[in-house]
Amino acid sequence: MNKSFKFPVVILANGSFPSNPLPLQQLESAGTVICTDGAVNSLAQLKLIPHVIIGDMDSIDPRYEFNGIKIQDKNPENSDLEKALDWVEMNDIKEVTLLGATGFREDMTLANLYILFDYYGKVSIKLITDHYTVTCHKGKQSFTSFPGEDVSLFTQEVSTLVSTTALKYQLEDSAIVPPQKGISNQSMGSTFSVESSGPILVFRGHTQED
């Protein structure tokens, strides 16, 4: 990792700006903030300044003054979020928190969730919304939890087999067939585990206090 960057690293995308205290705390405590270009306008309202801006630069308020790292990439084949993640990978940053990746446009929300599959094995991404923390895994993974925590699971391929422990509705070498199977589950205690034969998105709900 470039020595000028500090952990934790947060990417702020140009979706719905966080309002829940949990993602806002992640943003305010970040060591390095990377903005896709349009997200800068929302960040400025909190009087926070990003360290890096990446994108085609067509959405920034022309009055915005910035002296940090600005990377203009007009490649129409990739979204600004993909450009930011490619830059993160190029700079050997292994772990990021992703905010502002959902809301406003349903098509972009779906595309940004699929990005977690695309970058699995390259960059560890923790996508945090106002309601959920979403991560991508393969194999067996344990999670710190609390009784009643909302848990939903989505696989990239229908052929992926999934087993769980300590969830209200257990899965054992089961395929998750959309739209219903895999969503609206609940944790039964302080931990639960998910084991999958292929990449899987794990949605974990925030507490009411978050």
C-alpha atoms as a PDB file:
ATOM      1  CA  MET A   1       0.000   0.000   0.000  1.00  0.00           C
ATOM      2  CA  ASN A   2       1.194   3.510  -0.829  1.00  0.00           C
ATOM      3  CA  LYS A   3       2.615   5.018   2.366  1.00  0.00           C
ATOM      4  CA  SER A   4       0.577   8.189   1.838  1.00  0.00           C
ATOM      5  CA  PHE A   5      -2.659   6.240   2.395  1.00  0.00           C
ATOM      6  CA  LYS A   6      -3.882   5.419   5.875  1.00  0.00           C
ATOM      7  CA  PHE A   7      -6.272   2.748   7.091  1.00  0.00           C
ATOM      8  CA  PRO A   8      -9.171   2.324   7.142  1.00  0.00           C
ATOM      9  CA  VAL A   9      -9.852   3.104   3.486  1.00  0.00           C
ATOM     10  CA  VAL A  10     -13.392   4.167   2.558  1.00  0.00           C
ATOM     11  CA  ILE A  11     -14.808   4.504  -0.955  1.00  0.00           C
ATOM     12  CA  LEU A  12     -17.808   6.822  -1.222  1.00  0.00           C
ATOM     13  CA  ALA A  13     -19.925   6.149  -4.316  1.00  0.00           C
ATOM     14  CA  ASN A  14     -22.506   8.495  -5.789  1.00  0.00           C
ATOM     15  CA  GLY A  15     -25.632   6.735  -4.557  1.00  0.00           C
ATOM     16  CA  SER A  16     -27.787   7.646  -1.594  1.00  0.00           C
ATOM     17  CA  PHE A  17     -25.647   9.444   0.986  1.00  0.00           C
ATOM     18  CA  PRO A  18     -25.602   7.592   4.348  1.00  0.00           C
ATOM     19  CA  SER A  19     -27.868   8.785   7.149  1.00  0.00           C
ATOM     20  CA  ASN A  20     -27.458   5.903   9.615  1.00  0.00           C
ATOM     21  CA  PRO A  21     -24.847   6.572  12.348  1.00  0.00           C
ATOM     22  CA  LEU A  22     -22.950   3.348  11.512  1.00  0.00           C
ATOM     23  CA  PRO A  23     -21.882   4.230   7.940  1.00  0.00           C
ATOM     24  CA  LEU A  24     -21.449   7.882   8.905  1.00  0.00           C
ATOM     25  CA  GLN A  25     -19.040   6.847  11.655  1.00  0.00           C
ATOM     26  CA  GLN A  26     -17.094   4.770   9.119  1.00  0.00           C
ATOM     27  CA  LEU A  27     -16.807   7.829   6.905  1.00  0.00           C
ATOM     28  CA  GLU A  28     -15.789  10.240   9.641  1.00  0.00           C
ATOM     29  CA  SER A  29     -13.149   7.878  11.093  1.00  0.00           C
ATOM     30  CA  ALA A  30     -11.618   6.897   7.738  1.00  0.00           C
ATOM     31  CA  GLY A  31      -7.883   7.230   7.294  1.00  0.00           C
ATOM     32  CA  THR A  32      -8.309   7.625   3.542  1.00  0.00           C
ATOM     33  CA  VAL A  33     -11.480   8.640   1.680  1.00  0.00           C
ATOM     34  CA  ILE A  34     -11.753   7.877  -2.033  1.00  0.00           C
ATOM     35  CA  CYS A  35     -14.689   9.513  -3.825  1.00  0.00           C
ATOM     36  CA  THR A  36     -16.210   8.691  -7.157  1.00  0.00           C
ATOM     37  CA  ASP A  37     -16.568  12.105  -8.715  1.00  0.00           C
ATOM     38  CA  GLY A  38     -20.250  12.860  -8.088  1.00  0.00           C
ATOM     39  CA  ALA A  39     -20.012  11.802  -4.434  1.00  0.00           C
ATOM     40  CA  VAL A  40     -17.764  14.778  -3.703  1.00  0.00           C
ATOM     41  CA  ASN A  41     -20.744  17.131  -3.766  1.00  0.00           C
ATOM     42  CA  SER A  42     -22.451  15.255  -0.914  1.00  0.00           C
ATOM     43  CA  LEU A  43     -19.250  14.907   1.091  1.00  0.00           C
ATOM     44  CA  ALA A  44     -18.652  18.648   0.921  1.00  0.00           C
ATOM     45  CA  GLN A  45     -21.922  19.238   2.773  1.00  0.00           C
ATOM     46  CA  LEU A  46     -20.341  17.530   5.818  1.00  0.00           C
ATOM     47  CA  LYS A  47     -17.271  19.730   5.401  1.00  0.00           C
ATOM     48  CA  LEU A  48     -15.170  16.603   4.797  1.00  0.00           C
ATOM     49  CA  ILE A  49     -12.458  16.542   2.152  1.00  0.00           C
ATOM     50  CA  PRO A  50     -11.566  13.349   0.252  1.00  0.00           C
ATOM     51  CA  HIS A  51      -7.993  12.271  -0.315  1.00  0.00           C
ATOM     52  CA  VAL A  52      -8.665  10.911  -3.819  1.00  0.00           C
ATOM     53  CA  ILE A  53     -11.306  11.619  -6.483  1.00  0.00           C
ATOM     54  CA  ILE A  54     -11.737   9.124  -9.327  1.00  0.00           C
ATOM     55  CA  GLY A  55     -14.051   9.160 -12.331  1.00  0.00           C
ATOM     56  CA  ASP A  56     -14.857  10.912 -15.564  1.00  0.00           C
ATOM     57  CA  MET A  57     -15.229  14.209 -13.636  1.00  0.00           C
ATOM     58  CA  ASP A  58     -18.525  15.107 -15.281  1.00  0.00           C
ATOM     59  CA  SER A  59     -20.503  15.351 -12.029  1.00  0.00           C
ATOM     60  CA  ILE A  60     -18.368  17.564  -9.782  1.00  0.00           C
ATOM     61  CA  ASP A  61     -19.655  21.018  -8.936  1.00  0.00           C
ATOM     62  CA  PRO A  62     -17.351  23.298 -10.985  1.00  0.00           C
ATOM     63  CA  ARG A  63     -16.972  25.561  -7.948  1.00  0.00           C
ATOM     64  CA  TYR A  64     -15.421  22.742  -5.895  1.00  0.00           C
ATOM     65  CA  GLU A  65     -11.748  23.324  -5.088  1.00  0.00           C
ATOM     66  CA  PHE A  66      -9.583  20.253  -4.522  1.00  0.00           C
ATOM     67  CA  ASN A  67      -5.838  19.881  -3.990  1.00  0.00           C
ATOM     68  CA  GLY A  68      -5.641  16.123  -3.468  1.00  0.00           C
ATOM     69  CA  ILE A  69      -5.186  13.267  -5.933  1.00  0.00           C
ATOM     70  CA  LYS A  70      -7.554  13.587  -8.890  1.00  0.00           C
ATOM     71  CA  ILE A  71      -7.694  10.738 -11.410  1.00  0.00           C
ATOM     72  CA  GLN A  72      -9.734  11.343 -14.536  1.00  0.00           C
ATOM     73  CA  ASP A  73     -10.794   8.206 -16.391  1.00  0.00           C
ATOM     74  CA  LYS A  74     -13.300   8.662 -19.212  1.00  0.00           C
ATOM     75  CA  ASN A  75     -13.492   4.979 -20.158  1.00  0.00           C
ATOM     76  CA  PRO A  76     -17.242   4.424 -20.777  1.00  0.00           C
ATOM     77  CA  GLU A  77     -16.918   0.655 -20.349  1.00  0.00           C
ATOM     78  CA  ASN A  78     -16.453   0.882 -16.563  1.00  0.00           C
ATOM     79  CA  SER A  79     -18.494   2.651 -13.912  1.00  0.00           C
ATOM     80  CA  ASP A  80     -16.791   5.173 -11.640  1.00  0.00           C
ATOM     81  CA  LEU A  81     -16.980   2.641  -8.809  1.00  0.00           C
ATOM     82  CA  GLU A  82     -15.181   0.037 -10.917  1.00  0.00           C
ATOM     83  CA  LYS A  83     -12.535   2.638 -11.747  1.00  0.00           C
ATOM     84  CA  ALA A  84     -12.077   3.342  -8.035  1.00  0.00           C
ATOM     85  CA  LEU A  85     -11.757  -0.349  -7.182  1.00  0.00           C
ATOM     86  CA  ASP A  86      -9.316  -0.939 -10.044  1.00  0.00           C
ATOM     87  CA  TRP A  87      -7.197   1.922  -8.704  1.00  0.00           C
ATOM     88  CA  VAL A  88      -7.397   0.473  -5.180  1.00  0.00           C
ATOM     89  CA  GLU A  89      -6.232  -2.911  -6.456  1.00  0.00           C
ATOM     90  CA  MET A  90      -3.426  -1.297  -8.468  1.00  0.00           C
ATOM     91  CA  ASN A  91      -2.207   0.432  -5.296  1.00  0.00           C
ATOM     92  CA  ASP A  92      -2.193  -2.866  -3.389  1.00  0.00           C
ATOM     93  CA  ILE A  93      -4.972  -1.812  -1.013  1.00  0.00           C
ATOM     94  CA  LYS A  94      -6.466  -5.102   0.137  1.00  0.00           C
ATOM     95  CA  GLU A  95      -9.452  -3.985   2.193  1.00  0.00           C
ATOM     96  CA  VAL A  96     -12.013  -1.195   1.757  1.00  0.00           C
ATOM     97  CA  THR A  97     -15.347  -0.086   3.161  1.00  0.00           C
ATOM     98  CA  LEU A  98     -17.843   0.937   0.489  1.00  0.00           C
ATOM     99  CA  LEU A  99     -20.521   3.548   1.236  1.00  0.00           C
ATOM    100  CA  GLY A 100     -23.125   5.244  -0.954  1.00  0.00           C
ATOM    101  CA  ALA A 101     -23.380   2.257  -3.290  1.00  0.00           C
ATOM    102  CA  THR A 102     -27.165   1.856  -3.120  1.00  0.00           C
ATOM    103  CA  GLY A 103     -30.224   4.058  -3.516  1.00  0.00           C
ATOM    104  CA  PHE A 104     -31.498   6.476  -6.176  1.00  0.00           C
ATOM    105  CA  ARG A 105     -31.193   4.083  -9.147  1.00  0.00           C
ATOM    106  CA  GLU A 106     -32.217   0.455  -8.768  1.00  0.00           C
ATOM    107  CA  ASP A 107     -30.142  -0.603 -11.782  1.00  0.00           C
ATOM    108  CA  MET A 108     -26.976   0.894 -10.279  1.00  0.00           C
ATOM    109  CA  THR A 109     -27.779  -0.637  -6.887  1.00  0.00           C
ATOM    110  CA  LEU A 110     -27.971  -4.092  -8.474  1.00  0.00           C
ATOM    111  CA  ALA A 111     -24.818  -3.484 -10.525  1.00  0.00           C
ATOM    112  CA  ASN A 112     -22.900  -2.341  -7.437  1.00  0.00           C
ATOM    113  CA  LEU A 113     -23.929  -5.449  -5.506  1.00  0.00           C
ATOM    114  CA  TYR A 114     -22.691  -7.615  -8.384  1.00  0.00           C
ATOM    115  CA  ILE A 115     -19.378  -5.751  -8.184  1.00  0.00           C
ATOM    116  CA  LEU A 116     -18.741  -7.567  -4.892  1.00  0.00           C
ATOM    117  CA  PHE A 117     -18.746 -10.821  -6.860  1.00  0.00           C
ATOM    118  CA  ASP A 118     -16.467  -9.355  -9.543  1.00  0.00           C
ATOM    119  CA  TYR A 119     -13.812  -8.203  -7.075  1.00  0.00           C
ATOM    120  CA  TYR A 120     -13.985 -11.205  -4.760  1.00  0.00           C
ATOM    121  CA  GLY A 121     -10.452 -12.507  -4.298  1.00  0.00           C
ATOM    122  CA  LYS A 122      -8.944  -9.175  -5.397  1.00  0.00           C
ATOM    123  CA  VAL A 123     -10.154  -6.664  -2.804  1.00  0.00           C
ATOM    124  CA  SER A 124     -12.003  -7.384   0.437  1.00  0.00           C
ATOM    125  CA  ILE A 125     -15.067  -5.113   0.268  1.00  0.00           C
ATOM    126  CA  LYS A 126     -17.438  -4.341   3.126  1.00  0.00           C
ATOM    127  CA  LEU A 127     -20.468  -2.578   1.652  1.00  0.00           C
ATOM    128  CA  ILE A 128     -22.398  -0.709   4.338  1.00  0.00           C
ATOM    129  CA  THR A 129     -25.825   0.833   3.769  1.00  0.00           C
ATOM    130  CA  ASP A 130     -28.239   2.460   6.203  1.00  0.00           C
ATOM    131  CA  HIS A 131     -29.720  -0.983   6.866  1.00  0.00           C
ATOM    132  CA  TYR A 132     -27.189  -3.727   6.110  1.00  0.00           C
ATOM    133  CA  THR A 133     -23.550  -4.702   5.946  1.00  0.00           C
ATOM    134  CA  VAL A 134     -22.928  -6.781   2.810  1.00  0.00           C
ATOM    135  CA  THR A 135     -19.837  -8.912   2.187  1.00  0.00           C
ATOM    136  CA  CYS A 136     -18.843 -11.590  -0.320  1.00  0.00           C
ATOM    137  CA  HIS A 137     -17.391 -14.949   0.740  1.00  0.00           C
ATOM    138  CA  LYS A 138     -16.625 -18.459  -0.426  1.00  0.00           C
ATOM    139  CA  GLY A 139     -16.029 -21.528   1.716  1.00  0.00           C
ATOM    140  CA  LYS A 140     -16.790 -21.393   5.437  1.00  0.00           C
ATOM    141  CA  GLN A 141     -17.058 -18.048   7.213  1.00  0.00           C
ATOM    142  CA  SER A 142     -18.136 -17.218  10.769  1.00  0.00           C
ATOM    143  CA  PHE A 143     -19.789 -13.920  11.711  1.00  0.00           C
ATOM    144  CA  THR A 144     -20.165 -12.046  14.974  1.00  0.00           C
ATOM    145  CA  SER A 145     -23.869 -11.473  15.467  1.00  0.00           C
ATOM    146  CA  PHE A 146     -26.706 -10.937  17.939  1.00  0.00           C
ATOM    147  CA  PRO A 147     -30.014 -12.764  18.479  1.00  0.00           C
ATOM    148  CA  GLY A 148     -32.591 -11.692  15.926  1.00  0.00           C
ATOM    149  CA  GLU A 149     -30.128 -10.113  13.499  1.00  0.00           C
ATOM    150  CA  ASP A 150     -31.571 -10.103   9.985  1.00  0.00           C
ATOM    151  CA  VAL A 151     -29.535 -12.297   7.629  1.00  0.00           C
ATOM    152  CA  SER A 152     -30.065 -12.771   3.891  1.00  0.00           C
ATOM    153  CA  LEU A 153     -28.008 -14.790   1.429  1.00  0.00           C
ATOM    154  CA  PHE A 154     -27.616 -14.443  -2.348  1.00  0.00           C
ATOM    155  CA  THR A 155     -25.420 -16.664  -4.510  1.00  0.00           C
ATOM    156  CA  GLN A 156     -23.888 -15.791  -7.852  1.00  0.00           C
ATOM    157  CA  GLU A 157     -24.837 -19.158  -9.336  1.00  0.00           C
ATOM    158  CA  VAL A 158     -27.969 -21.190  -8.617  1.00  0.00           C
ATOM    159  CA  SER A 159     -25.772 -24.306  -8.553  1.00  0.00           C
ATOM    160  CA  THR A 160     -23.875 -23.031  -5.475  1.00  0.00           C
ATOM    161  CA  LEU A 161     -24.542 -25.204  -2.411  1.00  0.00           C
ATOM    162  CA  VAL A 162     -24.936 -23.487   0.954  1.00  0.00           C
ATOM    163  CA  SER A 163     -24.875 -24.720   4.557  1.00  0.00           C
ATOM    164  CA  THR A 164     -25.453 -22.605   7.663  1.00  0.00           C
ATOM    165  CA  THR A 165     -25.292 -22.862  11.438  1.00  0.00           C
ATOM    166  CA  ALA A 166     -27.091 -20.890  14.159  1.00  0.00           C
ATOM    167  CA  LEU A 167     -29.703 -19.374  11.836  1.00  0.00           C
ATOM    168  CA  LYS A 168     -33.447 -19.692  12.396  1.00  0.00           C
ATOM    169  CA  TYR A 169     -33.911 -21.427   9.048  1.00  0.00           C
ATOM    170  CA  GLN A 170     -30.981 -23.768   8.540  1.00  0.00           C
ATOM    171  CA  LEU A 171     -29.554 -24.698   5.152  1.00  0.00           C
ATOM    172  CA  GLU A 172     -27.637 -27.906   4.509  1.00  0.00           C
ATOM    173  CA  ASP A 173     -25.990 -28.296   1.108  1.00  0.00           C
ATOM    174  CA  SER A 174     -28.918 -26.366  -0.332  1.00  0.00           C
ATOM    175  CA  ALA A 175     -29.182 -24.315  -3.490  1.00  0.00           C
ATOM    176  CA  ILE A 176     -30.601 -20.824  -2.998  1.00  0.00           C
ATOM    177  CA  VAL A 177     -33.297 -20.386  -5.625  1.00  0.00           C
ATOM    178  CA  PRO A 178     -34.565 -16.818  -6.087  1.00  0.00           C
ATOM    179  CA  PRO A 179     -36.612 -14.916  -5.247  1.00  0.00           C
ATOM    180  CA  GLN A 180     -37.566 -16.144  -1.762  1.00  0.00           C
ATOM    181  CA  LYS A 181     -35.158 -18.794  -0.505  1.00  0.00           C
ATOM    182  CA  GLY A 182     -32.209 -17.263   1.321  1.00  0.00           C
ATOM    183  CA  ILE A 183     -33.751 -13.973   2.429  1.00  0.00           C
ATOM    184  CA  SER A 184     -35.295 -12.844   5.736  1.00  0.00           C
ATOM    185  CA  ASN A 185     -33.435 -15.332   7.915  1.00  0.00           C
ATOM    186  CA  GLN A 186     -32.372 -14.540  11.483  1.00  0.00           C
ATOM    187  CA  SER A 187     -29.374 -15.187  13.682  1.00  0.00           C
ATOM    188  CA  MET A 188     -30.069 -17.216  16.816  1.00  0.00           C
ATOM    189  CA  GLY A 189     -27.125 -16.057  18.916  1.00  0.00           C
ATOM    190  CA  SER A 190     -23.800 -14.249  19.135  1.00  0.00           C
ATOM    191  CA  THR A 191     -22.328 -15.970  16.067  1.00  0.00           C
ATOM    192  CA  PHE A 192     -23.445 -17.814  12.954  1.00  0.00           C
ATOM    193  CA  SER A 193     -21.636 -19.398  10.030  1.00  0.00           C
ATOM    194  CA  VAL A 194     -22.166 -19.751   6.293  1.00  0.00           C
ATOM    195  CA  GLU A 195     -20.403 -22.279   4.078  1.00  0.00           C
ATOM    196  CA  SER A 196     -20.784 -22.102   0.307  1.00  0.00           C
ATOM    197  CA  SER A 197     -19.280 -23.888  -2.680  1.00  0.00           C
ATOM    198  CA  GLY A 198     -19.168 -20.621  -4.650  1.00  0.00           C
ATOM    199  CA  PRO A 199     -19.206 -16.867  -4.004  1.00  0.00           C
ATOM    200  CA  ILE A 200     -22.105 -15.706  -1.848  1.00  0.00           C
ATOM    201  CA  LEU A 201     -23.325 -12.317  -0.628  1.00  0.00           C
ATOM    202  CA  VAL A 202     -24.104 -12.192   3.087  1.00  0.00           C
ATOM    203  CA  PHE A 203     -26.416  -9.385   4.240  1.00  0.00           C
ATOM    204  CA  ARG A 204     -26.334  -8.639   7.984  1.00  0.00           C
ATOM    205  CA  GLY A 205     -28.814  -6.166   9.448  1.00  0.00           C
ATOM    206  CA  HIS A 206     -27.773  -3.357  11.777  1.00  0.00           C
ATOM    207  CA  THR A 207     -29.037  -3.175  15.328  1.00  0.00           C
ATOM    208  CA  GLN A 208     -31.792  -0.693  16.092  1.00  0.00           C
ATOM    209  CA  GLU A 209     -29.243   1.308  18.086  1.00  0.00           C
ATOM    210  CA  ASP A 210     -26.946   1.741  15.047  1.00  0.00           C
END
